[in-house]
Amino acid sequence: LDNVGEGYGHVYTRGKVIVVQTHLSYAKYCYRPSESCWGETLLPSK
């Protein structure tokens, strides 16, 4: 969802909104999944 600053953002999961690290933490490909790349996008960029 939206950013809250300092690299964190709101994330909707399982019916509620939580705050987690999101800046540069998800991408099209996570070659080595970790806290630095914990999620992969599902929609095409367009």
All heavy atoms as atom14 arrays in JSON, in Angstrom:
{
  "sequence": "LDNVGEGYGHVYTRGKVIVVQTHLSYAKYCYRPSESCWGETLLPSK",
  "atom14_mask": [
    [1, 1, 1, 1, 1, 1, 1, 1, 0, 0, 0, 0, 0, 0],
    [1, 1, 1, 1, 1, 1, 1, 1, 0, 0, 0, 0, 0, 0],
    [1, 1, 1, 1, 1, 1, 1, 1, 0, 0, 0, 0, 0, 0],
    [1, 1, 1, 1, 1, 1, 1, 0, 0, 0, 0, 0, 0, 0],
    [1, 1, 1, 1, 0, 0, 0, 0, 0, 0, 0, 0, 0, 0],
    [1, 1, 1, 1, 1, 1, 1, 1, 1, 0, 0, 0, 0, 0],
    [1, 1, 1, 1, 0, 0, 0, 0, 0, 0, 0, 0, 0, 0],
    [1, 1, 1, 1, 1, 1, 1, 1, 1, 1, 1, 1, 0, 0],
    [1, 1, 1, 1, 0, 0, 0, 0, 0, 0, 0, 0, 0, 0],
    [1, 1, 1, 1, 1, 1, 1, 1, 1, 1, 0, 0, 0, 0],
    [1, 1, 1, 1, 1, 1, 1, 0, 0, 0, 0, 0, 0, 0],
    [1, 1, 1, 1, 1, 1, 1, 1, 1, 1, 1, 1, 0, 0],
    [1, 1, 1, 1, 1, 1, 1, 0, 0, 0, 0, 0, 0, 0],
    [1, 1, 1, 1, 1, 1, 1, 1, 1, 1, 1, 0, 0, 0],
    [1, 1, 1, 1, 0, 0, 0, 0, 0, 0, 0, 0, 0, 0],
    [1, 1, 1, 1, 1, 1, 1, 1, 1, 0, 0, 0, 0, 0],
    [1, 1, 1, 1, 1, 1, 1, 0, 0, 0, 0, 0, 0, 0],
    [1, 1, 1, 1, 1, 1, 1, 1, 0, 0, 0, 0, 0, 0],
    [1, 1, 1, 1, 1, 1, 1, 0, 0, 0, 0, 0, 0, 0],
    [1, 1, 1, 1, 1, 1, 1, 0, 0, 0, 0, 0, 0, 0],
    [1, 1, 1, 1, 1, 1, 1, 1, 1, 0, 0, 0, 0, 0],
    [1, 1, 1, 1, 1, 1, 1, 0, 0, 0, 0, 0, 0, 0],
    [1, 1, 1, 1, 1, 1, 1, 1, 1, 1, 0, 0, 0, 0],
    [1, 1, 1, 1, 1, 1, 1, 1, 0, 0, 0, 0, 0, 0],
    [1, 1, 1, 1, 1, 1, 0, 0, 0, 0, 0, 0, 0, 0],
    [1, 1, 1, 1, 1, 1, 1, 1, 1, 1, 1, 1, 0, 0],
    [1, 1, 1, 1, 1, 0, 0, 0, 0, 0, 0, 0, 0, 0],
    [1, 1, 1, 1, 1, 1, 1, 1, 1, 0, 0, 0, 0, 0],
    [1, 1, 1, 1, 1, 1, 1, 1, 1, 1, 1, 1, 0, 0],
    [1, 1, 1, 1, 1, 1, 0, 0, 0, 0, 0, 0, 0, 0],
    [1, 1, 1, 1, 1, 1, 1, 1, 1, 1, 1, 1, 0, 0],
    [1, 1, 1, 1, 1, 1, 1, 1, 1, 1, 1, 0, 0, 0],
    [1, 1, 1, 1, 1, 1, 1, 0, 0, 0, 0, 0, 0, 0],
    [1, 1, 1, 1, 1, 1, 0, 0, 0, 0, 0, 0, 0, 0],
    [1, 1, 1, 1, 1, 1, 1, 1, 1, 0, 0, 0, 0, 0],
    [1, 1, 1, 1, 1, 1, 0, 0, 0, 0, 0, 0, 0, 0],
    [1, 1, 1, 1, 1, 1, 0, 0, 0, 0, 0, 0, 0, 0],
    [1, 1, 1, 1, 1, 1, 1, 1, 1, 1, 1, 1, 1, 1],
    [1, 1, 1, 1, 0, 0, 0, 0, 0, 0, 0, 0, 0, 0],
    [1, 1, 1, 1, 1, 1, 1, 1, 1, 0, 0, 0, 0, 0],
    [1, 1, 1, 1, 1, 1, 1, 0, 0, 0, 0, 0, 0, 0],
    [1, 1, 1, 1, 1, 1, 1, 1, 0, 0, 0, 0, 0, 0],
    [1, 1, 1, 1, 1, 1, 1, 1, 0, 0, 0, 0, 0, 0],
    [1, 1, 1, 1, 1, 1, 1, 0, 0, 0, 0, 0, 0, 0],
    [1, 1, 1, 1, 1, 1, 0, 0, 0, 0, 0, 0, 0, 0],
    [1, 1, 1, 1, 1, 1, 1, 1, 1, 0, 0, 0, 0, 0]
  ],
  "atom14_positions": [
    [[0.84, -1.19, 0.0], [0.0, 0.0, 0.0], [0.87, 1.25, 0.0], [1.79, 1.35, -0.8], [-0.95, -0.04, 1.21], [-1.87, -1.28, 1.28], [-2.69, -1.26, 2.56], [-2.78, -1.37, 0.06], [0.0, 0.0, 0.0], [0.0, 0.0, 0.0], [0.0, 0.0, 0.0], [0.0, 0.0, 0.0], [0.0, 0.0, 0.0], [0.0, 0.0, 0.0]],
    [[0.65, 2.18, 0.91], [1.37, 3.45, 0.91], [2.61, 3.41, 1.78], [2.74, 2.56, 2.67], [0.45, 4.57, 1.4], [-0.12, 4.29, 2.79], [-0.75, 3.24, 2.96], [0.07, 5.12, 3.71], [0.0, 0.0, 0.0], [0.0, 0.0, 0.0], [0.0, 0.0, 0.0], [0.0, 0.0, 0.0], [0.0, 0.0, 0.0], [0.0, 0.0, 0.0]],
    [[3.53, 4.34, 1.53], [4.76, 4.47, 2.32], [4.48, 5.2, 3.63], [3.6, 6.07, 3.7], [5.83, 5.24, 1.54], [6.27, 4.52, 0.3], [6.39, 3.3, 0.28], [6.52, 5.27, -0.77], [0.0, 0.0, 0.0], [0.0, 0.0, 0.0], [0.0, 0.0, 0.0], [0.0, 0.0, 0.0], [0.0, 0.0, 0.0], [0.0, 0.0, 0.0]],
    [[5.26, 4.85, 4.65], [5.17, 5.58, 5.93], [6.5, 6.21, 6.31], [6.6, 6.87, 7.33], [4.68, 4.65, 7.06], [3.28, 4.15, 6.77], [5.63, 3.48, 7.3], [0.0, 0.0, 0.0], [0.0, 0.0, 0.0], [0.0, 0.0, 0.0], [0.0, 0.0, 0.0], [0.0, 0.0, 0.0], [0.0, 0.0, 0.0], [0.0, 0.0, 0.0]],
    [[7.54, 6.02, 5.49], [8.84, 6.64, 5.75], [9.85, 5.67, 6.33], [9.51, 4.61, 6.85], [0.0, 0.0, 0.0], [0.0, 0.0, 0.0], [0.0, 0.0, 0.0], [0.0, 0.0, 0.0], [0.0, 0.0, 0.0], [0.0, 0.0, 0.0], [0.0, 0.0, 0.0], [0.0, 0.0, 0.0], [0.0, 0.0, 0.0], [0.0, 0.0, 0.0]],
    [[11.13, 6.06, 6.21], [12.26, 5.29, 6.74], [12.29, 3.87, 6.19], [12.71, 2.93, 6.86], [12.23, 5.26, 8.27], [12.39, 6.65, 8.89], [12.49, 6.61, 10.41], [12.35, 5.52, 10.99], [12.71, 7.67, 11.0], [0.0, 0.0, 0.0], [0.0, 0.0, 0.0], [0.0, 0.0, 0.0], [0.0, 0.0, 0.0], [0.0, 0.0, 0.0]],
    [[11.85, 3.69, 4.94], [11.92, 2.39, 4.3], [10.76, 1.47, 4.6], [10.74, 0.33, 4.13], [0.0, 0.0, 0.0], [0.0, 0.0, 0.0], [0.0, 0.0, 0.0], [0.0, 0.0, 0.0], [0.0, 0.0, 0.0], [0.0, 0.0, 0.0], [0.0, 0.0, 0.0], [0.0, 0.0, 0.0], [0.0, 0.0, 0.0], [0.0, 0.0, 0.0]],
    [[9.8, 1.94, 5.38], [8.67, 1.09, 5.76], [7.4, 1.52, 5.01], [7.29, 2.64, 4.53], [8.43, 1.16, 7.27], [9.47, 0.4, 8.07], [10.7, 0.97, 8.37], [9.23, -0.91, 8.49], [11.67, 0.27, 9.08], [10.18, -1.61, 9.21], [11.4, -1.02, 9.5], [12.35, -1.72, 10.2], [0.0, 0.0, 0.0], [0.0, 0.0, 0.0]],
    [[6.46, 0.59, 4.94], [5.2, 0.87, 4.28], [4.09, 0.04, 4.86], [4.31, -0.93, 5.6], [0.0, 0.0, 0.0], [0.0, 0.0, 0.0], [0.0, 0.0, 0.0], [0.0, 0.0, 0.0], [0.0, 0.0, 0.0], [0.0, 0.0, 0.0], [0.0, 0.0, 0.0], [0.0, 0.0, 0.0], [0.0, 0.0, 0.0], [0.0, 0.0, 0.0]],
    [[2.86, 0.41, 4.5], [1.71, -0.39, 4.9], [1.52, -1.55, 3.92], [1.67, -1.37, 2.71], [0.45, 0.48, 4.91], [0.39, 1.44, 6.05], [0.25, 2.81, 5.88], [0.44, 1.24, 7.39], [0.22, 3.4, 7.07], [0.35, 2.48, 7.98], [0.0, 0.0, 0.0], [0.0, 0.0, 0.0], [0.0, 0.0, 0.0], [0.0, 0.0, 0.0]],
    [[1.19, -2.7, 4.47], [0.95, -3.9, 3.67], [-0.36, -4.53, 4.12], [-0.59, -4.71, 5.32], [2.1, -4.92, 3.81], [1.77, -6.22, 3.1], [3.4, -4.34, 3.25], [0.0, 0.0, 0.0], [0.0, 0.0, 0.0], [0.0, 0.0, 0.0], [0.0, 0.0, 0.0], [0.0, 0.0, 0.0], [0.0, 0.0, 0.0], [0.0, 0.0, 0.0]],
    [[-1.22, -4.85, 3.15], [-2.49, -5.5, 3.46], [-2.27, -7.01, 3.37], [-1.79, -7.53, 2.37], [-3.55, -5.06, 2.46], [-4.92, -5.64, 2.71], [-5.87, -4.93, 3.44], [-5.27, -6.89, 2.23], [-7.14, -5.44, 3.68], [-6.54, -7.42, 2.46], [-7.46, -6.7, 3.19], [-8.71, -7.23, 3.43], [0.0, 0.0, 0.0], [0.0, 0.0, 0.0]],
    [[-2.63, -7.7, 4.44], [-2.47, -9.15, 4.48], [-3.52, -9.77, 5.37], [-3.77, -9.31, 6.48], [-1.07, -9.54, 4.98], [-1.01, -10.97, 5.17], [-0.73, -8.86, 6.3], [0.0, 0.0, 0.0], [0.0, 0.0, 0.0], [0.0, 0.0, 0.0], [0.0, 0.0, 0.0], [0.0, 0.0, 0.0], [0.0, 0.0, 0.0], [0.0, 0.0, 0.0]],
    [[-4.19, -10.77, 4.84], [-5.14, -11.56, 5.64], [-6.16, -10.68, 6.38], [-6.45, -10.88, 7.55], [-4.37, -12.46, 6.61], [-3.41, -13.39, 5.89], [-2.45, -14.06, 6.85], [-3.11, -15.06, 7.66], [-3.3, -16.34, 7.3], [-2.87, -16.74, 6.11], [-3.89, -17.2, 8.1], [0.0, 0.0, 0.0], [0.0, 0.0, 0.0], [0.0, 0.0, 0.0]],
    [[-6.67, -9.67, 5.68], [-7.74, -8.87, 6.22], [-7.35, -7.7, 7.08], [-8.23, -7.01, 7.64], [0.0, 0.0, 0.0], [0.0, 0.0, 0.0], [0.0, 0.0, 0.0], [0.0, 0.0, 0.0], [0.0, 0.0, 0.0], [0.0, 0.0, 0.0], [0.0, 0.0, 0.0], [0.0, 0.0, 0.0], [0.0, 0.0, 0.0], [0.0, 0.0, 0.0]],
    [[-6.06, -7.4, 7.21], [-5.66, -6.25, 8.01], [-4.43, -5.59, 7.42], [-3.75, -6.16, 6.54], [-5.39, -6.67, 9.45], [-4.27, -7.67, 9.64], [-4.13, -8.03, 11.11], [-3.05, -9.06, 11.34], [-2.92, -9.41, 12.78], [0.0, 0.0, 0.0], [0.0, 0.0, 0.0], [0.0, 0.0, 0.0], [0.0, 0.0, 0.0], [0.0, 0.0, 0.0]],
    [[-4.13, -4.39, 7.9], [-2.99, -3.61, 7.42], [-1.9, -3.61, 8.48], [-2.17, -3.3, 9.65], [-3.41, -2.17, 7.09], [-2.21, -1.34, 6.67], [-4.47, -2.16, 5.99], [0.0, 0.0, 0.0], [0.0, 0.0, 0.0], [0.0, 0.0, 0.0], [0.0, 0.0, 0.0], [0.0, 0.0, 0.0], [0.0, 0.0, 0.0], [0.0, 0.0, 0.0]],
    [[-0.68, -3.97, 8.09], [0.45, -3.98, 9.0], [1.57, -3.12, 8.4], [1.5, -2.71, 7.24], [0.97, -5.41, 9.26], [1.45, -6.06, 7.95], [-0.11, -6.26, 9.91], [2.07, -7.44, 8.16], [0.0, 0.0, 0.0], [0.0, 0.0, 0.0], [0.0, 0.0, 0.0], [0.0, 0.0, 0.0], [0.0, 0.0, 0.0], [0.0, 0.0, 0.0]],
    [[2.58, -2.83, 9.19], [3.73, -2.04, 8.75], [4.95, -2.93, 8.68], [5.31, -3.59, 9.66], [3.99, -0.87, 9.72], [5.24, -0.09, 9.28], [2.79, 0.07, 9.76], [0.0, 0.0, 0.0], [0.0, 0.0, 0.0], [0.0, 0.0, 0.0], [0.0, 0.0, 0.0], [0.0, 0.0, 0.0], [0.0, 0.0, 0.0], [0.0, 0.0, 0.0]],
    [[5.58, -2.99, 7.51], [6.79, -3.78, 7.33], [7.77, -3.02, 6.45], [7.42, -2.02, 5.82], [6.5, -5.16, 6.68], [5.62, -6.01, 7.56], [5.87, -4.99, 5.31], [0.0, 0.0, 0.0], [0.0, 0.0, 0.0], [0.0, 0.0, 0.0], [0.0, 0.0, 0.0], [0.0, 0.0, 0.0], [0.0, 0.0, 0.0], [0.0, 0.0, 0.0]],
    [[9.01, -3.49, 6.37], [10.0, -2.87, 5.5], [9.64, -3.17, 4.05], [9.49, -4.33, 3.66], [11.4, -3.41, 5.81], [12.5, -2.7, 5.05], [13.89, -3.21, 5.44], [14.0, -4.25, 6.07], [14.9, -2.46, 5.09], [0.0, 0.0, 0.0], [0.0, 0.0, 0.0], [0.0, 0.0, 0.0], [0.0, 0.0, 0.0], [0.0, 0.0, 0.0]],
    [[9.48, -2.13, 3.25], [9.07, -2.31, 1.86], [10.02, -1.68, 0.85], [10.06, -2.09, -0.3], [7.66, -1.73, 1.63], [7.64, -0.36, 2.07], [6.6, -2.52, 2.39], [0.0, 0.0, 0.0], [0.0, 0.0, 0.0], [0.0, 0.0, 0.0], [0.0, 0.0, 0.0], [0.0, 0.0, 0.0], [0.0, 0.0, 0.0], [0.0, 0.0, 0.0]],
    [[10.79, -0.66, 1.25], [11.66, 0.02, 0.28], [12.73, -0.93, -0.24], [13.53, -1.47, 0.52], [12.31, 1.23, 0.94], [13.19, 2.0, 0.01], [12.7, 2.59, -1.14], [14.54, 2.26, 0.03], [13.7, 3.2, -1.77], [14.81, 3.01, -1.1], [0.0, 0.0, 0.0], [0.0, 0.0, 0.0], [0.0, 0.0, 0.0], [0.0, 0.0, 0.0]],
    [[12.71, -1.17, -1.56], [13.67, -2.06, -2.23], [13.62, -3.48, -1.67], [14.58, -4.23, -1.8], [15.1, -1.51, -2.11], [15.33, -0.12, -2.7], [16.79, 0.3, -2.51], [14.97, -0.07, -4.19], [0.0, 0.0, 0.0], [0.0, 0.0, 0.0], [0.0, 0.0, 0.0], [0.0, 0.0, 0.0], [0.0, 0.0, 0.0], [0.0, 0.0, 0.0]],
    [[12.48, -3.87, -1.07], [12.38, -5.19, -0.43], [11.52, -6.16, -1.23], [11.32, -7.29, -0.8], [11.83, -5.05, 0.99], [12.72, -4.33, 1.8], [0.0, 0.0, 0.0], [0.0, 0.0, 0.0], [0.0, 0.0, 0.0], [0.0, 0.0, 0.0], [0.0, 0.0, 0.0], [0.0, 0.0, 0.0], [0.0, 0.0, 0.0], [0.0, 0.0, 0.0]],
    [[11.0, -5.73, -2.38], [10.27, -6.64, -3.26], [10.62, -6.26, -4.69], [10.96, -5.11, -4.98], [8.77, -6.6, -3.0], [8.13, -5.26, -3.25], [7.49, -4.98, -4.45], [8.14, -4.27, -2.27], [6.9, -3.76, -4.69], [7.55, -3.03, -2.5], [6.93, -2.78, -3.7], [6.36, -1.56, -3.93], [0.0, 0.0, 0.0], [0.0, 0.0, 0.0]],
    [[10.55, -7.23, -5.59], [10.99, -7.0, -6.96], [10.38, -8.05, -7.87], [9.68, -8.96, -7.42], [12.53, -7.07, -7.03], [0.0, 0.0, 0.0], [0.0, 0.0, 0.0], [0.0, 0.0, 0.0], [0.0, 0.0, 0.0], [0.0, 0.0, 0.0], [0.0, 0.0, 0.0], [0.0, 0.0, 0.0], [0.0, 0.0, 0.0], [0.0, 0.0, 0.0]],
    [[10.65, -7.93, -9.16], [10.18, -8.96, -10.09], [10.86, -10.29, -9.8], [10.22, -11.34, -9.85], [10.46, -8.53, -11.54], [9.95, -9.52, -12.57], [10.18, -9.03, -13.98], [9.65, -10.04, -15.01], [9.85, -9.58, -16.4], [0.0, 0.0, 0.0], [0.0, 0.0, 0.0], [0.0, 0.0, 0.0], [0.0, 0.0, 0.0], [0.0, 0.0, 0.0]],
    [[12.16, -10.23, -9.49], [12.91, -11.45, -9.17], [13.69, -11.25, -7.87], [14.42, -10.27, -7.72], [13.9, -11.8, -10.28], [13.26, -12.13, -11.6], [13.43, -11.29, -12.71], [12.48, -13.27, -11.76], [12.85, -11.59, -13.94], [11.89, -13.58, -12.98], [12.08, -12.74, -14.06], [11.49, -13.04, -15.27], [0.0, 0.0, 0.0], [0.0, 0.0, 0.0]],
    [[13.51, -12.15, -6.94], [14.36, -12.21, -5.74], [15.29, -13.4, -5.92], [14.9, -14.54, -5.69], [13.51, -12.38, -4.48], [12.59, -10.91, -3.98], [0.0, 0.0, 0.0], [0.0, 0.0, 0.0], [0.0, 0.0, 0.0], [0.0, 0.0, 0.0], [0.0, 0.0, 0.0], [0.0, 0.0, 0.0], [0.0, 0.0, 0.0], [0.0, 0.0, 0.0]],
    [[16.52, -13.13, -6.34], [17.45, -14.22, -6.61], [17.89, -14.92, -5.32], [18.25, -16.09, -5.33], [18.68, -13.68, -7.35], [18.32, -13.08, -8.69], [18.27, -11.7, -8.87], [18.04, -13.89, -9.78], [17.92, -11.15, -10.1], [17.7, -13.35, -11.02], [17.65, -11.98, -11.16], [17.3, -11.44, -12.38], [0.0, 0.0, 0.0], [0.0, 0.0, 0.0]],
    [[17.86, -14.19, -4.23], [18.19, -14.76, -2.93], [17.2, -14.21, -1.91], [17.45, -13.18, -1.28], [19.63, -14.41, -2.54], [20.09, -15.08, -1.25], [21.51, -14.68, -0.93], [22.45, -15.13, -1.94], [23.73, -14.79, -1.97], [24.22, -13.99, -1.04], [24.51, -15.24, -2.93], [0.0, 0.0, 0.0], [0.0, 0.0, 0.0], [0.0, 0.0, 0.0]],
    [[16.04, -14.87, -1.75], [15.02, -14.35, -0.84], [15.56, -14.11, 0.57], [16.25, -14.95, 1.13], [13.96, -15.46, -0.83], [14.12, -16.12, -2.17], [15.6, -16.1, -2.43], [0.0, 0.0, 0.0], [0.0, 0.0, 0.0], [0.0, 0.0, 0.0], [0.0, 0.0, 0.0], [0.0, 0.0, 0.0], [0.0, 0.0, 0.0], [0.0, 0.0, 0.0]],
    [[15.27, -12.95, 1.1], [15.73, -12.56, 2.43], [14.92, -11.35, 2.86], [14.0, -10.92, 2.15], [17.22, -12.2, 2.42], [17.44, -11.04, 1.64], [0.0, 0.0, 0.0], [0.0, 0.0, 0.0], [0.0, 0.0, 0.0], [0.0, 0.0, 0.0], [0.0, 0.0, 0.0], [0.0, 0.0, 0.0], [0.0, 0.0, 0.0], [0.0, 0.0, 0.0]],
    [[15.25, -10.75, 4.0], [14.57, -9.53, 4.41], [14.8, -8.4, 3.41], [14.0, -7.47, 3.3], [15.07, -9.09, 5.8], [14.59, -9.99, 6.93], [15.03, -9.47, 8.28], [15.83, -8.52, 8.31], [14.58, -10.01, 9.3], [0.0, 0.0, 0.0], [0.0, 0.0, 0.0], [0.0, 0.0, 0.0], [0.0, 0.0, 0.0], [0.0, 0.0, 0.0]],
    [[15.9, -8.49, 2.64], [16.21, -7.46, 1.64], [15.42, -7.64, 0.36], [15.34, -6.71, -0.46], [17.71, -7.47, 1.33], [18.46, -7.15, 2.48], [0.0, 0.0, 0.0], [0.0, 0.0, 0.0], [0.0, 0.0, 0.0], [0.0, 0.0, 0.0], [0.0, 0.0, 0.0], [0.0, 0.0, 0.0], [0.0, 0.0, 0.0], [0.0, 0.0, 0.0]],
    [[14.86, -8.81, 0.13], [13.99, -9.08, -1.02], [13.06, -10.21, -0.62], [13.33, -11.37, -0.9], [14.82, -9.44, -2.25], [13.86, -9.42, -3.81], [0.0, 0.0, 0.0], [0.0, 0.0, 0.0], [0.0, 0.0, 0.0], [0.0, 0.0, 0.0], [0.0, 0.0, 0.0], [0.0, 0.0, 0.0], [0.0, 0.0, 0.0], [0.0, 0.0, 0.0]],
    [[11.97, -9.84, 0.03], [11.09, -10.85, 0.62], [9.86, -11.16, -0.22], [9.13, -12.12, 0.05], [10.64, -10.42, 2.01], [9.96, -9.08, 2.09], [10.53, -7.87, 2.39], [8.57, -8.81, 1.85], [9.59, -6.88, 2.36], [8.38, -7.42, 2.03], [7.47, -9.6, 1.5], [7.15, -6.81, 1.88], [6.23, -8.99, 1.34], [6.08, -7.62, 1.54]],
    [[9.61, -10.35, -1.29], [8.42, -10.59, -2.1], [8.67, -10.35, -3.57], [9.5, -9.52, -3.95], [0.0, 0.0, 0.0], [0.0, 0.0, 0.0], [0.0, 0.0, 0.0], [0.0, 0.0, 0.0], [0.0, 0.0, 0.0], [0.0, 0.0, 0.0], [0.0, 0.0, 0.0], [0.0, 0.0, 0.0], [0.0, 0.0, 0.0], [0.0, 0.0, 0.0]],
    [[7.97, -11.1, -4.42], [8.06, -10.91, -5.87], [6.72, -10.43, -6.4], [5.65, -10.92, -6.0], [8.46, -12.22, -6.56], [9.91, -12.59, -6.31], [10.35, -13.83, -7.07], [9.48, -14.67, -7.41], [11.56, -13.97, -7.31], [0.0, 0.0, 0.0], [0.0, 0.0, 0.0], [0.0, 0.0, 0.0], [0.0, 0.0, 0.0], [0.0, 0.0, 0.0]],
    [[6.78, -9.46, -7.31], [5.57, -8.86, -7.86], [4.82, -9.85, -8.75], [5.41, -10.72, -9.38], [5.91, -7.6, -8.67], [6.83, -7.96, -9.71], [6.56, -6.55, -7.78], [0.0, 0.0, 0.0], [0.0, 0.0, 0.0], [0.0, 0.0, 0.0], [0.0, 0.0, 0.0], [0.0, 0.0, 0.0], [0.0, 0.0, 0.0], [0.0, 0.0, 0.0]],
    [[3.5, -9.68, -8.8], [2.67, -10.59, -9.6], [2.13, -9.93, -10.87], [1.77, -10.63, -11.81], [1.5, -11.1, -8.76], [1.88, -12.02, -7.58], [0.64, -12.45, -6.82], [2.63, -13.24, -8.09], [0.0, 0.0, 0.0], [0.0, 0.0, 0.0], [0.0, 0.0, 0.0], [0.0, 0.0, 0.0], [0.0, 0.0, 0.0], [0.0, 0.0, 0.0]],
    [[2.05, -8.59, -10.9], [1.5, -7.91, -12.07], [2.6, -7.43, -13.0], [3.66, -7.01, -12.54], [0.65, -6.71, -11.64], [-0.62, -6.99, -10.85], [-1.32, -5.68, -10.52], [-1.56, -7.91, -11.61], [0.0, 0.0, 0.0], [0.0, 0.0, 0.0], [0.0, 0.0, 0.0], [0.0, 0.0, 0.0], [0.0, 0.0, 0.0], [0.0, 0.0, 0.0]],
    [[2.37, -7.46, -14.32], [3.33, -6.85, -15.25], [3.45, -5.36, -14.96], [2.51, -4.72, -14.48], [2.69, -7.1, -16.62], [1.72, -8.22, -16.41], [1.23, -8.07, -15.0], [0.0, 0.0, 0.0], [0.0, 0.0, 0.0], [0.0, 0.0, 0.0], [0.0, 0.0, 0.0], [0.0, 0.0, 0.0], [0.0, 0.0, 0.0], [0.0, 0.0, 0.0]],
    [[4.62, -4.79, -15.24], [4.86, -3.39, -14.93], [3.86, -2.47, -15.62], [3.49, -1.42, -15.08], [6.28, -3.0, -15.35], [6.49, -3.25, -16.73], [0.0, 0.0, 0.0], [0.0, 0.0, 0.0], [0.0, 0.0, 0.0], [0.0, 0.0, 0.0], [0.0, 0.0, 0.0], [0.0, 0.0, 0.0], [0.0, 0.0, 0.0], [0.0, 0.0, 0.0]],
    [[3.37, -2.84, -16.8], [2.42, -1.98, -17.53], [1.07, -1.89, -16.83], [0.28, -0.99, -17.13], [2.24, -2.49, -18.96], [1.6, -3.88, -19.06], [1.48, -4.32, -20.51], [0.85, -5.71, -20.61], [0.74, -6.16, -22.02], [0.0, 0.0, 0.0], [0.0, 0.0, 0.0], [0.0, 0.0, 0.0], [0.0, 0.0, 0.0], [0.0, 0.0, 0.0]]
  ]
}
